[in-house]
PDB file of N, CA and C in Angstrom:
ATOM      1  N   MET A   1      -4.990  47.322  34.911  1.00  0.00           N
ATOM      2  CA  MET A   1      -5.373  47.568  33.542  1.00  0.00           C
ATOM      3  C   MET A   1      -4.264  47.060  32.626  1.00  0.00           C
ATOM      4  N   TYR A   2      -4.631  46.592  31.453  1.00  0.00           N
ATOM      5  CA  TYR A   2      -3.688  46.029  30.494  1.00  0.00           C
ATOM      6  C   TYR A   2      -3.023  47.135  29.697  1.00  0.00           C
ATOM      7  N   GLU A   3      -1.718  47.054  29.576  1.00  0.00           N
ATOM      8  CA  GLU A   3      -0.994  48.013  28.765  1.00  0.00           C
ATOM      9  C   GLU A   3      -0.519  47.326  27.498  1.00  0.00           C
ATOM     10  N   ALA A   4      -0.689  47.996  26.395  1.00  0.00           N
ATOM     11  CA  ALA A   4      -0.221  47.449  25.119  1.00  0.00           C
ATOM     12  C   ALA A   4       1.297  47.483  25.094  1.00  0.00           C
ATOM     13  N   THR A   5       1.871  46.382  24.673  1.00  0.00           N
ATOM     14  CA  THR A   5       3.325  46.326  24.554  1.00  0.00           C
ATOM     15  C   THR A   5       3.678  45.895  23.151  1.00  0.00           C
ATOM     16  N   ASP A   6       4.921  46.060  22.790  1.00  0.00           N
ATOM     17  CA  ASP A   6       5.380  45.690  21.459  1.00  0.00           C
ATOM     18  C   ASP A   6       5.572  44.183  21.319  1.00  0.00           C
ATOM     19  N   SER A   7       5.465  43.417  22.412  1.00  0.00           N
ATOM     20  CA  SER A   7       5.712  41.979  22.345  1.00  0.00           C
ATOM     21  C   SER A   7       4.542  41.215  21.726  1.00  0.00           C
ATOM     22  N   ARG A   8       3.383  41.831  21.661  1.00  0.00           N
ATOM     23  CA  ARG A   8       2.229  41.171  21.043  1.00  0.00           C
ATOM     24  C   ARG A   8       2.289  41.343  19.539  1.00  0.00           C
ATOM     25  N   PRO A   9       1.983  40.270  18.772  1.00  0.00           N
ATOM     26  CA  PRO A   9       2.003  40.411  17.318  1.00  0.00           C
ATOM     27  C   PRO A   9       0.836  41.272  16.838  1.00  0.00           C
ATOM     28  N   SER A  10       1.059  41.943  15.756  1.00  0.00           N
ATOM     29  CA  SER A  10      -0.003  42.774  15.202  1.00  0.00           C
ATOM     30  C   SER A  10      -1.003  41.881  14.480  1.00  0.00           C
ATOM     31  N   PHE A  11      -2.176  42.426  14.170  1.00  0.00           N
ATOM     32  CA  PHE A  11      -3.182  41.681  13.422  1.00  0.00           C
ATOM     33  C   PHE A  11      -2.656  41.301  12.040  1.00  0.00           C
ATOM     34  N   GLU A  12      -1.851  42.173  11.464  1.00  0.00           N
ATOM     35  CA  GLU A  12      -1.277  41.878  10.151  1.00  0.00           C
ATOM     36  C   GLU A  12      -0.347  40.663  10.229  1.00  0.00           C
ATOM     37  N   ASP A  13       0.460  40.591  11.307  1.00  0.00           N
ATOM     38  CA  ASP A  13       1.350  39.439  11.496  1.00  0.00           C
ATOM     39  C   ASP A  13       0.548  38.158  11.668  1.00  0.00           C
ATOM     40  N   MET A  14      -0.503  38.236  12.467  1.00  0.00           N
ATOM     41  CA  MET A  14      -1.341  37.051  12.687  1.00  0.00           C
ATOM     42  C   MET A  14      -2.034  36.635  11.395  1.00  0.00           C
ATOM     43  N   ASP A  15      -2.535  37.607  10.623  1.00  0.00           N
ATOM     44  CA  ASP A  15      -3.170  37.291   9.343  1.00  0.00           C
ATOM     45  C   ASP A  15      -2.185  36.629   8.390  1.00  0.00           C
ATOM     46  N   ALA A  16      -0.939  37.108   8.382  1.00  0.00           N
ATOM     47  CA  ALA A  16       0.079  36.519   7.506  1.00  0.00           C
ATOM     48  C   ALA A  16       0.363  35.076   7.916  1.00  0.00           C
ATOM     49  N   LYS A  17       0.424  34.807   9.217  1.00  0.00           N
ATOM     50  CA  LYS A  17       0.656  33.448   9.686  1.00  0.00           C
ATOM     51  C   LYS A  17      -0.514  32.534   9.327  1.00  0.00           C
ATOM     52  N   ILE A  18      -1.720  33.032   9.476  1.00  0.00           N
ATOM     53  CA  ILE A  18      -2.916  32.247   9.123  1.00  0.00           C
ATOM     54  C   ILE A  18      -2.928  31.966   7.632  1.00  0.00           C
ATOM     55  N   ASP A  19      -2.619  32.967   6.818  1.00  0.00           N
ATOM     56  CA  ASP A  19      -2.570  32.761   5.368  1.00  0.00           C
ATOM     57  C   ASP A  19      -1.523  31.714   4.998  1.00  0.00           C
ATOM     58  N   ALA A  20      -0.372  31.747   5.674  1.00  0.00           N
ATOM     59  CA  ALA A  20       0.681  30.764   5.397  1.00  0.00           C
ATOM     60  C   ALA A  20       0.215  29.357   5.763  1.00  0.00           C
ATOM     61  N   LEU A  21      -0.467  29.219   6.880  1.00  0.00           N
ATOM     62  CA  LEU A  21      -0.983  27.910   7.282  1.00  0.00           C
ATOM     63  C   LEU A  21      -2.053  27.417   6.316  1.00  0.00           C
ATOM     64  N   ASN A  22      -2.929  28.312   5.885  1.00  0.00           N
ATOM     65  CA  ASN A  22      -3.988  27.929   4.947  1.00  0.00           C
ATOM     66  C   ASN A  22      -3.428  27.567   3.582  1.00  0.00           C
ATOM     67  N   ALA A  23      -2.273  28.105   3.239  1.00  0.00           N
ATOM     68  CA  ALA A  23      -1.671  27.816   1.939  1.00  0.00           C
ATOM     69  C   ALA A  23      -0.966  26.460   1.927  1.00  0.00           C
ATOM     70  N   THR A  24      -0.713  25.898   3.111  1.00  0.00           N
ATOM     71  CA  THR A  24      -0.042  24.605   3.195  1.00  0.00           C
ATOM     72  C   THR A  24      -1.029  23.507   2.832  1.00  0.00           C
ATOM     73  N   PRO A  25      -0.732  22.747   1.763  1.00  0.00           N
ATOM     74  CA  PRO A  25      -1.681  21.700   1.381  1.00  0.00           C
ATOM     75  C   PRO A  25      -1.700  20.566   2.403  1.00  0.00           C
ATOM     76  N   VAL A  26      -2.880  20.048   2.633  1.00  0.00           N
ATOM     77  CA  VAL A  26      -3.027  18.910   3.530  1.00  0.00           C
ATOM     78  C   VAL A  26      -3.114  17.671   2.655  1.00  0.00           C
ATOM     79  N   THR A  27      -2.181  16.769   2.862  1.00  0.00           N
ATOM     80  CA  THR A  27      -2.155  15.544   2.069  1.00  0.00           C
ATOM     81  C   THR A  27      -2.475  14.369   2.970  1.00  0.00           C
ATOM     82  N   PRO A  28      -2.864  13.245   2.387  1.00  0.00           N
ATOM     83  CA  PRO A  28      -3.158  12.074   3.204  1.00  0.00           C
ATOM     84  C   PRO A  28      -1.972  11.626   4.059  1.00  0.00           C
ATOM     85  N   ASP A  29      -0.748  11.962   3.634  1.00  0.00           N
ATOM     86  CA  ASP A  29       0.426  11.580   4.402  1.00  0.00           C
ATOM     87  C   ASP A  29       0.506  12.315   5.732  1.00  0.00           C
ATOM     88  N   VAL A  30      -0.147  13.478   5.803  1.00  0.00           N
ATOM     89  CA  VAL A  30      -0.095  14.268   7.028  1.00  0.00           C
ATOM     90  C   VAL A  30      -0.868  13.562   8.135  1.00  0.00           C
ATOM     91  N   CYS A  31      -2.003  12.987   7.796  1.00  0.00           N
ATOM     92  CA  CYS A  31      -2.846  12.324   8.785  1.00  0.00           C
ATOM     93  C   CYS A  31      -3.398  11.046   8.166  1.00  0.00           C
ATOM     94  N   PRO A  32      -2.569  10.012   8.069  1.00  0.00           N
ATOM     95  CA  PRO A  32      -3.038   8.793   7.411  1.00  0.00           C
ATOM     96  C   PRO A  32      -4.078   8.066   8.257  1.00  0.00           C
ATOM     97  N   VAL A  33      -5.208   7.815   7.655  1.00  0.00           N
ATOM     98  CA  VAL A  33      -6.271   7.073   8.307  1.00  0.00           C
ATOM     99  C   VAL A  33      -6.678   5.959   7.354  1.00  0.00           C
ATOM    100  N   GLU A  34      -6.516   4.735   7.800  1.00  0.00           N
ATOM    101  CA  GLU A  34      -6.870   3.611   6.954  1.00  0.00           C
ATOM    102  C   GLU A  34      -8.374   3.385   7.022  1.00  0.00           C
ATOM    103  N   LYS A  35      -8.994   3.291   5.839  1.00  0.00           N
ATOM    104  CA  LYS A  35     -10.430   3.055   5.786  1.00  0.00           C
ATOM    105  C   LYS A  35     -10.750   1.670   6.324  1.00  0.00           C
ATOM    106  N   LYS A  36     -11.813   1.579   7.084  1.00  0.00           N
ATOM    107  CA  LYS A  36     -12.266   0.291   7.592  1.00  0.00           C
ATOM    108  C   LYS A  36     -13.577  -0.128   6.946  1.00  0.00           C
ATOM    109  N   THR A  37     -14.237   0.813   6.290  1.00  0.00           N
ATOM    110  CA  THR A  37     -15.502   0.510   5.636  1.00  0.00           C
ATOM    111  C   THR A  37     -15.577   1.205   4.276  1.00  0.00           C
ATOM    112  N   TYR A  38     -16.466   0.691   3.451  1.00  0.00           N
ATOM    113  CA  TYR A  38     -16.803   1.324   2.176  1.00  0.00           C
ATOM    114  C   TYR A  38     -18.263   1.748   2.222  1.00  0.00           C
ATOM    115  N   THR A  39     -18.593   2.771   1.465  1.00  0.00           N
ATOM    116  CA  THR A  39     -19.993   3.123   1.252  1.00  0.00           C
ATOM    117  C   THR A  39     -20.509   2.304   0.072  1.00  0.00           C
ATOM    118  N   VAL A  40     -21.810   2.293  -0.099  1.00  0.00           N
ATOM    119  CA  VAL A  40     -22.390   1.564  -1.225  1.00  0.00           C
ATOM    120  C   VAL A  40     -21.923   2.182  -2.545  1.00  0.00           C
ATOM    121  N   THR A  41     -21.799   3.487  -2.584  1.00  0.00           N
ATOM    122  CA  THR A  41     -21.327   4.173  -3.790  1.00  0.00           C
ATOM    123  C   THR A  41     -19.894   3.780  -4.108  1.00  0.00           C
ATOM    124  N   GLU A  42     -19.054   3.622  -3.080  1.00  0.00           N
ATOM    125  CA  GLU A  42     -17.675   3.182  -3.308  1.00  0.00           C
ATOM    126  C   GLU A  42     -17.644   1.756  -3.858  1.00  0.00           C
ATOM    127  N   ILE A  43     -18.513   0.889  -3.344  1.00  0.00           N
ATOM    128  CA  ILE A  43     -18.610  -0.479  -3.861  1.00  0.00           C
ATOM    129  C   ILE A  43     -19.008  -0.431  -5.336  1.00  0.00           C
ATOM    130  N   GLN A  44     -19.967   0.420  -5.643  1.00  0.00           N
ATOM    131  CA  GLN A  44     -20.419   0.600  -7.030  1.00  0.00           C
ATOM    132  C   GLN A  44     -19.254   1.021  -7.917  1.00  0.00           C
ATOM    133  N   ASP A  45     -18.484   1.991  -7.475  1.00  0.00           N
ATOM    134  CA  ASP A  45     -17.358   2.494  -8.272  1.00  0.00           C
ATOM    135  C   ASP A  45     -16.259   1.448  -8.427  1.00  0.00           C
ATOM    136  N   ILE A  46     -15.940   0.734  -7.342  1.00  0.00           N
ATOM    137  CA  ILE A  46     -14.876  -0.266  -7.390  1.00  0.00           C
ATOM    138  C   ILE A  46     -15.222  -1.374  -8.382  1.00  0.00           C
ATOM    139  N   LEU A  47     -16.476  -1.814  -8.345  1.00  0.00           N
ATOM    140  CA  LEU A  47     -16.889  -2.931  -9.191  1.00  0.00           C
ATOM    141  C   LEU A  47     -17.372  -2.506 -10.567  1.00  0.00           C
ATOM    142  N   GLY A  48     -17.650  -1.213 -10.742  1.00  0.00           N
ATOM    143  CA  GLY A  48     -18.164  -0.730 -12.029  1.00  0.00           C
ATOM    144  C   GLY A  48     -19.554  -1.258 -12.315  1.00  0.00           C
ATOM    145  N   ILE A  49     -20.404  -1.261 -11.283  1.00  0.00           N
ATOM    146  CA  ILE A  49     -21.765  -1.776 -11.408  1.00  0.00           C
ATOM    147  C   ILE A  49     -22.759  -0.683 -11.059  1.00  0.00           C
ATOM    148  N   SER A  50     -24.027  -0.970 -11.258  1.00  0.00           N
ATOM    149  CA  SER A  50     -25.057   0.003 -10.916  1.00  0.00           C
ATOM    150  C   SER A  50     -25.274   0.014  -9.405  1.00  0.00           C
ATOM    151  N   LEU A  51     -25.874   1.080  -8.924  1.00  0.00           N
ATOM    152  CA  LEU A  51     -26.182   1.187  -7.504  1.00  0.00           C
ATOM    153  C   LEU A  51     -27.171   0.095  -7.095  1.00  0.00           C
ATOM    154  N   THR A  52     -28.116  -0.209  -7.966  1.00  0.00           N
ATOM    155  CA  THR A  52     -29.091  -1.269  -7.684  1.00  0.00           C
ATOM    156  C   THR A  52     -28.390  -2.610  -7.496  1.00  0.00           C
ATOM    157  N   THR A  53     -27.429  -2.917  -8.348  1.00  0.00           N
ATOM    158  CA  THR A  53     -26.685  -4.169  -8.238  1.00  0.00           C
ATOM    159  C   THR A  53     -25.841  -4.190  -6.969  1.00  0.00           C
ATOM    160  N   ALA A  54     -25.257  -3.047  -6.598  1.00  0.00           N
ATOM    161  CA  ALA A  54     -24.475  -2.967  -5.365  1.00  0.00           C
ATOM    162  C   ALA A  54     -25.365  -3.271  -4.160  1.00  0.00           C
ATOM    163  N   TYR A  55     -26.558  -2.689  -4.130  1.00  0.00           N
ATOM    164  CA  TYR A  55     -27.495  -2.972  -3.044  1.00  0.00           C
ATOM    165  C   TYR A  55     -27.917  -4.440  -3.054  1.00  0.00           C
ATOM    166  N   ALA A  56     -28.069  -5.034  -4.236  1.00  0.00           N
ATOM    167  CA  ALA A  56     -28.448  -6.448  -4.337  1.00  0.00           C
ATOM    168  C   ALA A  56     -27.359  -7.339  -3.732  1.00  0.00           C
ATOM    169  N   LEU A  57     -26.089  -7.019  -3.990  1.00  0.00           N
ATOM    170  CA  LEU A  57     -24.989  -7.786  -3.389  1.00  0.00           C
ATOM    171  C   LEU A  57     -25.038  -7.714  -1.864  1.00  0.00           C
ATOM    172  N   ILE A  58     -25.363  -6.551  -1.354  1.00  0.00           N
ATOM    173  CA  ILE A  58     -25.444  -6.363   0.093  1.00  0.00           C
ATOM    174  C   ILE A  58     -26.623  -7.156   0.659  1.00  0.00           C
ATOM    175  N   ARG A  59     -27.769  -7.107  -0.025  1.00  0.00           N
ATOM    176  CA  ARG A  59     -28.945  -7.868   0.426  1.00  0.00           C
ATOM    177  C   ARG A  59     -28.667  -9.374   0.433  1.00  0.00           C
ATOM    178  N   ARG A  60     -27.855  -9.840  -0.521  1.00  0.00           N
ATOM    179  CA  ARG A  60     -27.513 -11.264  -0.594  1.00  0.00           C
ATOM    180  C   ARG A  60     -26.423 -11.649   0.392  1.00  0.00           C
ATOM    181  N   LYS A  61     -25.967 -10.664   1.172  1.00  0.00           N
ATOM    182  CA  LYS A  61     -24.936 -10.881   2.194  1.00  0.00           C
ATOM    183  C   LYS A  61     -23.667 -11.498   1.613  1.00  0.00           C
ATOM    184  N   GLU A  62     -23.262 -10.962   0.459  1.00  0.00           N
ATOM    185  CA  GLU A  62     -22.023 -11.418  -0.170  1.00  0.00           C
ATOM    186  C   GLU A  62     -20.801 -11.036   0.670  1.00  0.00           C
ATOM    187  N   PHE A  63     -20.947  -9.970   1.478  1.00  0.00           N
ATOM    188  CA  PHE A  63     -19.898  -9.517   2.383  1.00  0.00           C
ATOM    189  C   PHE A  63     -20.571  -8.838   3.553  1.00  0.00           C
ATOM    190  N   HIS A  64     -19.828  -8.657   4.636  1.00  0.00           N
ATOM    191  CA  HIS A  64     -20.390  -8.096   5.869  1.00  0.00           C
ATOM    192  C   HIS A  64     -20.692  -6.603   5.702  1.00  0.00           C
ATOM    193  N   SER A  65     -21.897  -6.225   6.118  1.00  0.00           N
ATOM    194  CA  SER A  65     -22.270  -4.812   6.104  1.00  0.00           C
ATOM    195  C   SER A  65     -23.070  -4.500   7.357  1.00  0.00           C
ATOM    196  N   VAL A  66     -23.081  -3.229   7.716  1.00  0.00           N
ATOM    197  CA  VAL A  66     -23.842  -2.767   8.878  1.00  0.00           C
ATOM    198  C   VAL A  66     -24.614  -1.517   8.505  1.00  0.00           C
ATOM    199  N   ASN A  67     -25.733  -1.335   9.160  1.00  0.00           N
ATOM    200  CA  ASN A  67     -26.502  -0.105   9.009  1.00  0.00           C
ATOM    201  C   ASN A  67     -26.066   0.855  10.110  1.00  0.00           C
ATOM    202  N   VAL A  68     -25.734   2.061   9.702  1.00  0.00           N
ATOM    203  CA  VAL A  68     -25.377   3.117  10.641  1.00  0.00           C
ATOM    204  C   VAL A  68     -26.384   4.227  10.409  1.00  0.00           C
ATOM    205  N   GLY A  69     -27.403   4.236  11.248  1.00  0.00           N
ATOM    206  CA  GLY A  69     -28.505   5.163  10.995  1.00  0.00           C
ATOM    207  C   GLY A  69     -29.170   4.779   9.691  1.00  0.00           C
ATOM    208  N   ARG A  70     -29.236   5.718   8.769  1.00  0.00           N
ATOM    209  CA  ARG A  70     -29.839   5.456   7.464  1.00  0.00           C
ATOM    210  C   ARG A  70     -28.800   5.095   6.414  1.00  0.00           C
ATOM    211  N   HIS A  71     -27.569   4.880   6.839  1.00  0.00           N
ATOM    212  CA  HIS A  71     -26.481   4.601   5.910  1.00  0.00           C
ATOM    213  C   HIS A  71     -26.022   3.158   6.048  1.00  0.00           C
ATOM    214  N   ILE A  72     -25.532   2.606   4.963  1.00  0.00           N
ATOM    215  CA  ILE A  72     -24.971   1.258   4.970  1.00  0.00           C
ATOM    216  C   ILE A  72     -23.467   1.379   4.819  1.00  0.00           C
ATOM    217  N   ARG A  73     -22.737   0.655   5.662  1.00  0.00           N
ATOM    218  CA  ARG A  73     -21.289   0.599   5.561  1.00  0.00           C
ATOM    219  C   ARG A  73     -20.883  -0.862   5.375  1.00  0.00           C
ATOM    220  N   VAL A  74     -19.971  -1.071   4.429  1.00  0.00           N
ATOM    221  CA  VAL A  74     -19.500  -2.415   4.106  1.00  0.00           C
ATOM    222  C   VAL A  74     -18.106  -2.579   4.686  1.00  0.00           C
ATOM    223  N   SER A  75     -17.895  -3.681   5.390  1.00  0.00           N
ATOM    224  CA  SER A  75     -16.590  -3.968   5.977  1.00  0.00           C
ATOM    225  C   SER A  75     -15.546  -4.097   4.872  1.00  0.00           C
ATOM    226  N   LYS A  76     -14.499  -3.287   4.954  1.00  0.00           N
ATOM    227  CA  LYS A  76     -13.440  -3.316   3.945  1.00  0.00           C
ATOM    228  C   LYS A  76     -12.749  -4.677   3.898  1.00  0.00           C
ATOM    229  N   PRO A  77     -12.328  -5.244   5.056  1.00  0.00           N
ATOM    230  CA  PRO A  77     -11.676  -6.563   4.986  1.00  0.00           C
ATOM    231  C   PRO A  77     -12.592  -7.634   4.382  1.00  0.00           C
ATOM    232  N   SER A  78     -13.864  -7.596   4.756  1.00  0.00           N
ATOM    233  CA  SER A  78     -14.809  -8.581   4.236  1.00  0.00           C
ATOM    234  C   SER A  78     -14.999  -8.412   2.729  1.00  0.00           C
ATOM    235  N   PHE A  79     -15.161  -7.177   2.284  1.00  0.00           N
ATOM    236  CA  PHE A  79     -15.349  -6.917   0.851  1.00  0.00           C
ATOM    237  C   PHE A  79     -14.084  -7.278   0.066  1.00  0.00           C
ATOM    238  N   ASP A  80     -12.934  -6.865   0.582  1.00  0.00           N
ATOM    239  CA  ASP A  80     -11.679  -7.142  -0.120  1.00  0.00           C
ATOM    240  C   ASP A  80     -11.435  -8.651  -0.243  1.00  0.00           C
ATOM    241  N   ALA A  81     -11.764  -9.400   0.826  1.00  0.00           N
ATOM    242  CA  ALA A  81     -11.613 -10.861   0.775  1.00  0.00           C
ATOM    243  C   ALA A  81     -12.565 -11.443  -0.267  1.00  0.00           C
ATOM    244  N   TRP A  82     -13.796 -10.954  -0.296  1.00  0.00           N
ATOM    245  CA  TRP A  82     -14.768 -11.417  -1.299  1.00  0.00           C
ATOM    246  C   TRP A  82     -14.278 -11.093  -2.698  1.00  0.00           C
ATOM    247  N   LEU A  83     -13.783  -9.893  -2.891  1.00  0.00           N
ATOM    248  CA  LEU A  83     -13.325  -9.459  -4.196  1.00  0.00           C
ATOM    249  C   LEU A  83     -12.113 -10.291  -4.658  1.00  0.00           C
ATOM    250  N   ASN A  84     -11.187 -10.540  -3.776  1.00  0.00           N
ATOM    251  CA  ASN A  84      -9.996 -11.321  -4.125  1.00  0.00           C
ATOM    252  C   ASN A  84     -10.304 -12.795  -4.351  1.00  0.00           C
ATOM    253  N   GLY A  85     -11.426 -13.257  -3.788  1.00  0.00           N
ATOM    254  CA  GLY A  85     -11.829 -14.634  -3.970  1.00  0.00           C
ATOM    255  C   GLY A  85     -12.513 -14.892  -5.289  1.00  0.00           C
ATOM    256  N   GLN A  86     -12.869 -13.821  -5.987  1.00  0.00           N
ATOM    257  CA  GLN A  86     -13.571 -13.983  -7.278  1.00  0.00           C
ATOM    258  C   GLN A  86     -12.616 -14.186  -8.417  1.00  0.00           C
TER     259      GLN A  86
END
C-alpha cells in the first residue's frame, strides 16, 4: 500500500508551478518555424487586393500553389520570387 510522504509536492505547489508556466509568454523566438506556404488570405493581405483577385492570380498560375483538401496553399518561395520580379 502507498504511504503519503512529505517528498510529494502538494496540489497548491503544483498549481503554483502551472500558473508560473502559463504566465510565461510564448514568443516566436521560442519555437521558430519558417513558413513555407501562404494562404490565399495572406496573399490578399500582402498585396492589398481583393480575395477574388487573389484567387484569379492563383487560377492564372502566376505562382505555384497546391490544394490541400479544400484549402489552397501558395508556395512562399514561388510567391516571393514572383513578387520580387514585379
